[in-house]
Protein backbone atom coordinates (compact mmCIF):
# COMPACT_ATOMS: atom_id res chain seq x y z
CA MET A 1 282.83 149.79 18.38
CA THR A 2 286.51 150.22 19.12
CA ILE A 3 289.31 149.55 16.63
CA ILE A 4 292.33 147.56 17.80
CA LYS A 5 295.35 148.47 15.66
CA THR A 6 297.63 145.74 14.31
CA ARG A 7 301.23 145.83 13.02
CA GLN A 8 302.34 144.24 9.80
CA ALA A 9 304.34 141.07 10.29
CA ALA A 10 306.63 140.72 7.30
CA LEU A 11 307.40 137.07 7.93
CA LEU A 12 303.96 136.02 9.08
CA ALA A 13 303.05 134.16 5.90
CA THR A 14 306.32 132.22 6.04
CA ALA A 15 305.81 131.37 9.70
CA ILE A 16 302.36 129.90 9.19
CA SER A 17 303.10 128.07 5.94
CA THR A 18 304.57 125.12 7.85
CA ALA A 19 301.34 124.47 9.78
CA LEU A 20 299.41 121.42 8.58
CA VAL A 21 295.66 121.73 8.29
CA THR A 22 293.10 118.91 8.36
CA GLY A 23 289.43 119.61 7.83
CA LEU A 24 285.96 118.06 7.69
CA THR A 25 284.21 117.82 4.34
CA PRO A 26 282.02 120.91 3.92
CA VAL A 27 278.29 120.32 4.17
CA SER A 28 276.13 121.32 1.22
CA ALA A 29 274.20 124.58 1.39
CA SER A 30 270.73 124.81 2.87
CA ALA A 31 268.32 127.76 2.77
CA TYR A 32 266.44 129.12 5.75
CA GLU A 33 263.36 131.24 5.08
CA ASP A 34 261.31 133.70 7.13
CA THR A 35 264.10 135.47 8.95
CA LEU A 36 263.63 138.97 10.35
CA LEU A 37 266.52 140.29 8.31
CA PRO A 38 265.66 143.05 5.84
CA GLN A 39 266.49 142.92 2.16
CA SER A 40 269.78 144.39 0.99
CA ASP A 41 271.35 145.27 -2.34
CA LYS A 42 274.16 142.82 -1.77
CA ARG A 43 274.70 139.41 -0.20
CA ILE A 44 277.29 138.98 2.52
CA VAL A 45 279.48 136.02 3.48
CA ILE A 46 280.09 135.54 7.21
CA TYR A 47 282.75 133.29 8.72
CA PHE A 48 282.25 132.44 12.39
CA THR A 49 284.88 130.89 14.64
CA ARG A 50 285.36 130.22 18.33
CA HIS A 51 288.33 131.60 20.21
CA ALA A 52 291.29 129.23 20.49
CA GLU A 53 292.62 127.61 23.68
CA LYS A 54 293.56 129.95 26.51
CA GLU A 55 295.60 130.16 29.69
CA THR A 56 295.79 132.57 32.61
CA ILE A 57 298.89 134.66 33.26
CA THR A 58 299.01 137.02 36.24
CA GLN A 59 301.77 139.24 37.55
CA THR A 60 301.89 141.17 40.81
CA SER A 61 303.46 144.60 41.13
CA THR A 62 304.39 146.51 44.29
CA SER A 63 304.24 149.85 42.53
CA ALA A 64 301.61 152.17 44.02
CA THR A 65 301.06 153.78 40.63
CA ALA A 66 300.89 150.64 38.50
CA PRO A 67 297.68 150.17 36.51
CA VAL A 68 295.34 147.37 37.52
CA PHE A 69 295.04 145.97 34.02
CA THR A 70 297.08 146.44 30.86
CA SER A 71 297.34 144.41 27.68
CA ASP A 72 299.41 144.38 24.54
CA LEU A 73 297.94 141.92 22.05
CA LEU A 74 300.84 142.24 19.66
CA GLU A 75 303.50 141.35 22.22
CA GLY A 76 301.34 138.90 24.17
CA VAL A 77 301.68 140.91 27.38
CA VAL A 78 298.80 140.73 29.84
CA THR A 79 299.38 142.11 33.31
CA PHE A 80 297.12 142.36 36.35
CA THR A 81 298.57 144.14 39.36
CA GLU A 82 296.95 143.25 42.67
CA THR A 83 298.48 146.07 44.71
CA GLY A 84 298.55 148.91 42.21
CA GLU A 85 296.42 152.01 42.56
CA ALA A 86 294.04 152.61 39.67
CA THR A 87 291.98 155.53 38.51
CA PRO A 88 288.26 155.10 39.24
CA SER A 89 287.38 155.70 35.60
CA LYS A 90 289.29 152.68 34.35
CA GLY A 91 291.20 150.39 36.66
CA ASP A 92 288.69 150.04 39.50
CA ALA A 93 285.86 149.28 37.10
CA LEU A 94 287.92 146.68 35.27
CA ASN A 95 288.92 145.10 38.57
CA GLU A 96 285.34 144.98 39.79
CA VAL A 97 283.78 143.28 36.78
CA CYS A 98 286.71 141.33 35.39
CA GLY A 99 288.82 139.97 38.21
CA ALA A 100 292.46 138.98 38.20
CA SER A 101 292.19 135.59 36.49
CA LYS A 102 289.74 136.55 33.75
CA CYS A 103 291.49 139.79 32.82
CA ALA A 104 294.70 137.83 32.38
CA GLU A 105 293.32 135.17 30.03
CA GLN A 106 295.18 134.94 26.75
CA LEU A 107 295.91 132.28 24.15
CA SER A 108 298.06 129.35 25.20
CA LYS A 109 300.78 127.89 23.00
CA LEU A 110 298.23 125.57 21.46
CA GLY A 111 295.78 128.43 21.00
CA SER A 112 298.42 130.56 19.28
CA GLU A 113 299.20 127.75 16.87
CA ARG A 114 295.52 127.33 16.12
CA ALA A 115 295.22 131.06 15.43
CA MET A 116 298.03 130.68 12.89
CA LEU A 117 296.24 127.71 11.33
CA LEU A 118 293.15 129.85 10.99
CA ALA A 119 295.09 132.58 9.21
CA ASP A 120 296.78 130.05 6.95
CA TRP A 121 293.44 128.46 6.04
CA PHE A 122 291.92 131.79 5.04
CA ALA A 123 295.05 132.89 3.16
CA ARG A 124 295.35 129.67 1.15
CA ARG A 125 291.74 130.02 -0.03
CA GLY A 126 292.01 133.68 -0.92
CA VAL A 127 289.53 134.70 1.75
CA THR A 128 291.93 137.24 3.25
CA ASP A 129 291.87 139.07 -0.09
CA LYS A 130 288.08 139.42 0.23
CA LEU A 131 287.72 140.26 3.92
CA ASP A 132 286.20 143.65 4.63
CA GLN A 133 286.16 143.44 8.44
CA VAL A 134 287.36 141.18 11.25
CA PHE A 135 285.32 141.29 14.47
CA ALA A 136 286.07 139.98 17.96
CA THR A 137 284.51 140.37 21.40
CA HIS A 138 286.17 142.35 24.21
CA LYS A 139 287.91 139.17 25.41
CA ILE A 140 291.62 139.02 24.74
CA ARG A 141 291.39 135.40 23.60
CA THR A 142 288.97 136.20 20.76
CA GLN A 143 291.04 139.16 19.60
CA GLN A 144 294.25 137.13 19.55
CA THR A 145 292.54 134.28 17.69
CA VAL A 146 291.79 136.43 14.62
CA LEU A 147 294.72 138.84 14.85
CA PRO A 148 297.00 136.83 12.48
CA THR A 149 294.19 136.65 9.91
CA ALA A 150 293.55 140.40 10.18
CA THR A 151 297.26 141.09 9.76
CA ILE A 152 297.47 139.10 6.53
CA ALA A 153 294.33 140.84 5.27
CA ASP A 154 295.86 144.23 6.16
CA LEU A 155 292.91 144.96 8.44
CA THR A 156 292.36 145.96 12.03
CA VAL A 157 290.37 143.87 14.50
CA THR A 158 287.07 145.59 15.26
CA GLN A 159 286.12 145.10 18.89
CA LEU A 160 282.47 144.32 19.58
CA ASN A 161 280.61 145.90 22.48
CA PRO A 162 283.50 147.64 24.27
CA THR A 163 281.63 148.07 27.54
CA PHE A 164 282.33 146.87 31.03
CA SER A 165 279.39 144.45 30.85
CA GLU A 166 281.21 142.36 28.26
CA LEU A 167 284.14 142.06 30.65
CA ASN A 168 281.92 140.17 33.11
CA PRO A 169 283.95 137.04 33.92
CA GLU A 170 280.83 134.89 34.18
CA SER A 171 279.13 135.90 30.95
CA THR A 172 279.90 136.52 27.30
CA SER A 173 276.25 136.96 26.30
CA PRO A 174 276.46 140.78 25.93
CA SER A 175 278.45 140.16 22.74
CA GLU A 176 275.50 138.39 21.07
CA CYS A 177 273.43 141.45 20.18
CA ALA A 178 276.57 143.41 19.35
CA THR A 179 277.48 140.71 16.82
CA LEU A 180 274.07 140.84 15.14
CA GLN A 181 274.28 144.63 15.01
CA ALA A 182 277.75 144.42 13.45
CA ILE A 183 276.42 142.05 10.79
CA GLU A 184 273.60 144.43 9.92
CA GLU A 185 275.98 147.38 9.78
CA SER A 186 278.29 145.42 7.49
CA ARG A 187 275.40 144.55 5.19
CA ALA A 188 274.29 148.17 5.11
CA ALA A 189 277.85 149.19 4.22
CA GLY A 190 277.85 146.77 1.29
CA HIS A 191 280.58 144.53 2.65
CA ASP A 192 281.26 141.25 0.86
CA THR A 193 282.96 139.10 3.51
CA ILE A 194 283.47 139.38 7.29
CA LEU A 195 285.00 137.20 10.02
CA ILE A 196 283.63 137.01 13.58
CA ALA A 197 285.31 135.41 16.60
CA GLY A 198 282.94 134.45 19.41
CA HIS A 199 282.51 132.04 22.29
CA SER A 200 281.32 128.50 22.87
CA GLY A 201 278.22 129.77 24.67
CA THR A 202 277.26 132.46 22.13
CA LEU A 203 277.89 131.27 18.59
CA TYR A 204 274.96 128.86 18.31
CA ASP A 205 272.64 131.49 19.77
CA ILE A 206 273.83 134.02 17.19
CA MET A 207 273.62 131.65 14.23
CA GLY A 208 270.34 130.24 15.55
CA THR A 209 267.55 131.95 17.49
CA GLY A 210 268.87 132.09 21.03
CA VAL A 211 269.63 135.81 21.42
CA SER A 212 267.41 137.76 23.82
CA ASP A 213 266.69 141.46 24.31
CA CYS A 214 268.25 142.47 21.01
CA PHE A 215 266.60 145.27 19.07
CA ILE A 216 268.00 146.57 15.81
CA GLY A 217 265.95 149.58 14.89
CA ASP A 218 262.35 148.71 15.70
CA ASN A 219 262.86 144.97 15.15
CA GLU A 220 263.66 142.42 17.81
CA ILE A 221 266.11 139.90 16.39
CA THR A 222 266.79 136.61 18.15
CA GLY A 223 269.51 135.40 15.77
CA LEU A 224 270.17 134.57 12.14
CA GLY A 225 267.57 131.80 12.18
CA LEU A 226 269.56 128.64 11.42
CA ASP A 227 268.47 125.45 13.17
CA THR A 228 271.42 124.93 15.51
CA GLY A 229 269.40 122.66 17.79
CA ASN A 230 269.64 125.05 20.71
CA THR A 231 265.92 125.73 21.04
CA VAL A 232 263.01 123.57 22.18
CA GLU A 233 261.73 123.23 18.63
CA GLY A 234 265.15 122.84 17.03
CA THR A 235 266.74 119.53 16.16
CA GLY A 236 269.99 120.78 14.68
CA ASN A 237 272.57 118.77 12.78
CA PRO A 238 275.54 117.43 14.76
CA ASP A 239 277.76 117.56 11.69
CA ARG A 240 277.03 121.25 11.28
CA PHE A 241 276.73 122.25 14.93
CA PRO A 242 278.54 119.77 17.22
CA LYS A 243 277.91 120.56 20.86
CA ASN A 244 278.55 119.44 24.42
CA ASP A 245 275.76 118.28 26.73
CA ASP A 246 275.29 121.87 27.86
CA GLY A 247 274.51 122.98 24.30
CA LYS A 248 277.74 124.92 23.84
CA VAL A 249 280.17 124.60 20.94
CA ARG A 250 282.04 121.34 21.43
CA ASP A 251 285.29 121.84 19.54
CA PHE A 252 288.07 124.30 19.08
CA GLY A 253 289.09 125.04 15.49
CA ASP A 254 285.65 125.15 13.84
CA ILE A 255 284.95 127.59 11.01
CA TRP A 256 281.36 128.08 9.91
CA LYS A 257 280.55 129.74 6.60
CA VAL A 258 277.13 131.41 6.43
CA VAL A 259 275.65 133.51 3.61
CA ILE A 260 272.90 136.10 3.86
CA THR A 261 271.30 136.68 0.47
CA ARG A 262 270.00 139.96 -0.94
CA LYS A 263 266.51 138.93 0.18
CA GLY A 264 267.69 138.41 3.75
CA GLU A 265 267.64 134.61 3.57
CA VAL A 266 270.29 132.96 5.72
CA ARG A 267 272.04 129.92 4.30
CA PHE A 268 274.41 127.53 6.02
CA VAL A 269 277.26 126.67 3.63
CA SER A 270 279.89 124.64 5.47
CA ARG A 271 281.73 123.77 8.66
CA VAL A 272 285.45 122.96 8.65
CA ASN A 273 287.54 121.93 11.64
CA LEU A 274 291.26 122.77 11.88
CA GLN A 275 293.52 120.76 14.16
CA PRO A 276 297.22 121.44 14.87
CA SER A 277 299.26 118.41 13.88
CA ARG A 278 302.03 118.67 16.46
CA LEU A 279 300.11 119.40 19.66
CA THR A 280 297.47 117.57 21.70
CA VAL A 281 294.04 119.15 21.51
CA GLN A 282 292.23 119.74 24.79
CA ASN A 283 288.61 120.83 24.68
CA SER A 284 287.12 123.38 27.08
CA ALA A 285 283.62 124.72 27.56
CA HIS A 286 284.83 128.29 28.23
C-alpha cells in the first residue's frame, strides 16, 4: 500500500461547518454468522462510502518532455498531456491502461461539497477522533472524497492496491480483494475504527459475498458476508443497500457502518445518506 500525504488545513473545520446535512434514520443492528473471518482480540468498526460526483478535466501540452500524467490532490490539479514524451516505466504504462479521460477524472463542484459534508458528519460525531486509518482506491475521485476527513483526523489517505491493474478505466474490481486485505491487516494491528472509500460496483461485493479470486493467507474470502442482495441466494434490504437495476450502489452520499466482532461476526449497524442542500444531486453508475 502507498501512503498519500495530506497537508493540514487550518480553516477546514470552519469551511465545512456551514454545510447542512440530512440523513436517513439508521437501521438497527443485525448479526451475520458463519463468516470466514478469524477471531481477533478486538472488534473493529468500518465505515464504507462511495466516491462523490466526478468530472473529467484534460489539458494538452506541446512540451516534448512533459509527463503523460500528473496529479496533485491537494491543489486539485490533474493533467494529461497528449503529446508529451513519457518514460516507459511510468508514463507509457499509465497511458496504456488509464487513458486520457479516466486519468483526468476528479471530483466536481458537487462532489467536493459532498466530500466536505462527509468530513463534517464524521467530525460532528467524534468519529474523526477515533479513526485509525482512511483507505481509498487508486482512483483520484475516491482519494479526494475522503481527503477532508483524513485531514481533520490528522491522518494520511492509505491507497489500496497501487498497481496498474487498478488504473484500468473499465474496471475497479481489483480494489475488492485489496480492501478485504486492508481490513484484515487493520484488525491484526488492533485498530478501532477505519474508513474506506470505494465504488458503486465494488462496495456491495465487499460487504456481501461477491468478491472473487481473493485469498488471504490460505483462506479464500468472498466478502464480509452481509446479505446485500447481490447474489442469487441473497434478497438484501433496499433500505440498507439501495441499488440500481444493474446491482450497483444507487446513491451518492451513503455511509455504511459495519462492525466485526472479536469472534469474527460481521454486523450491519446503519446506513446514512448525506445530501448537499444548495446543489442538485445527479446520480451516476460510475
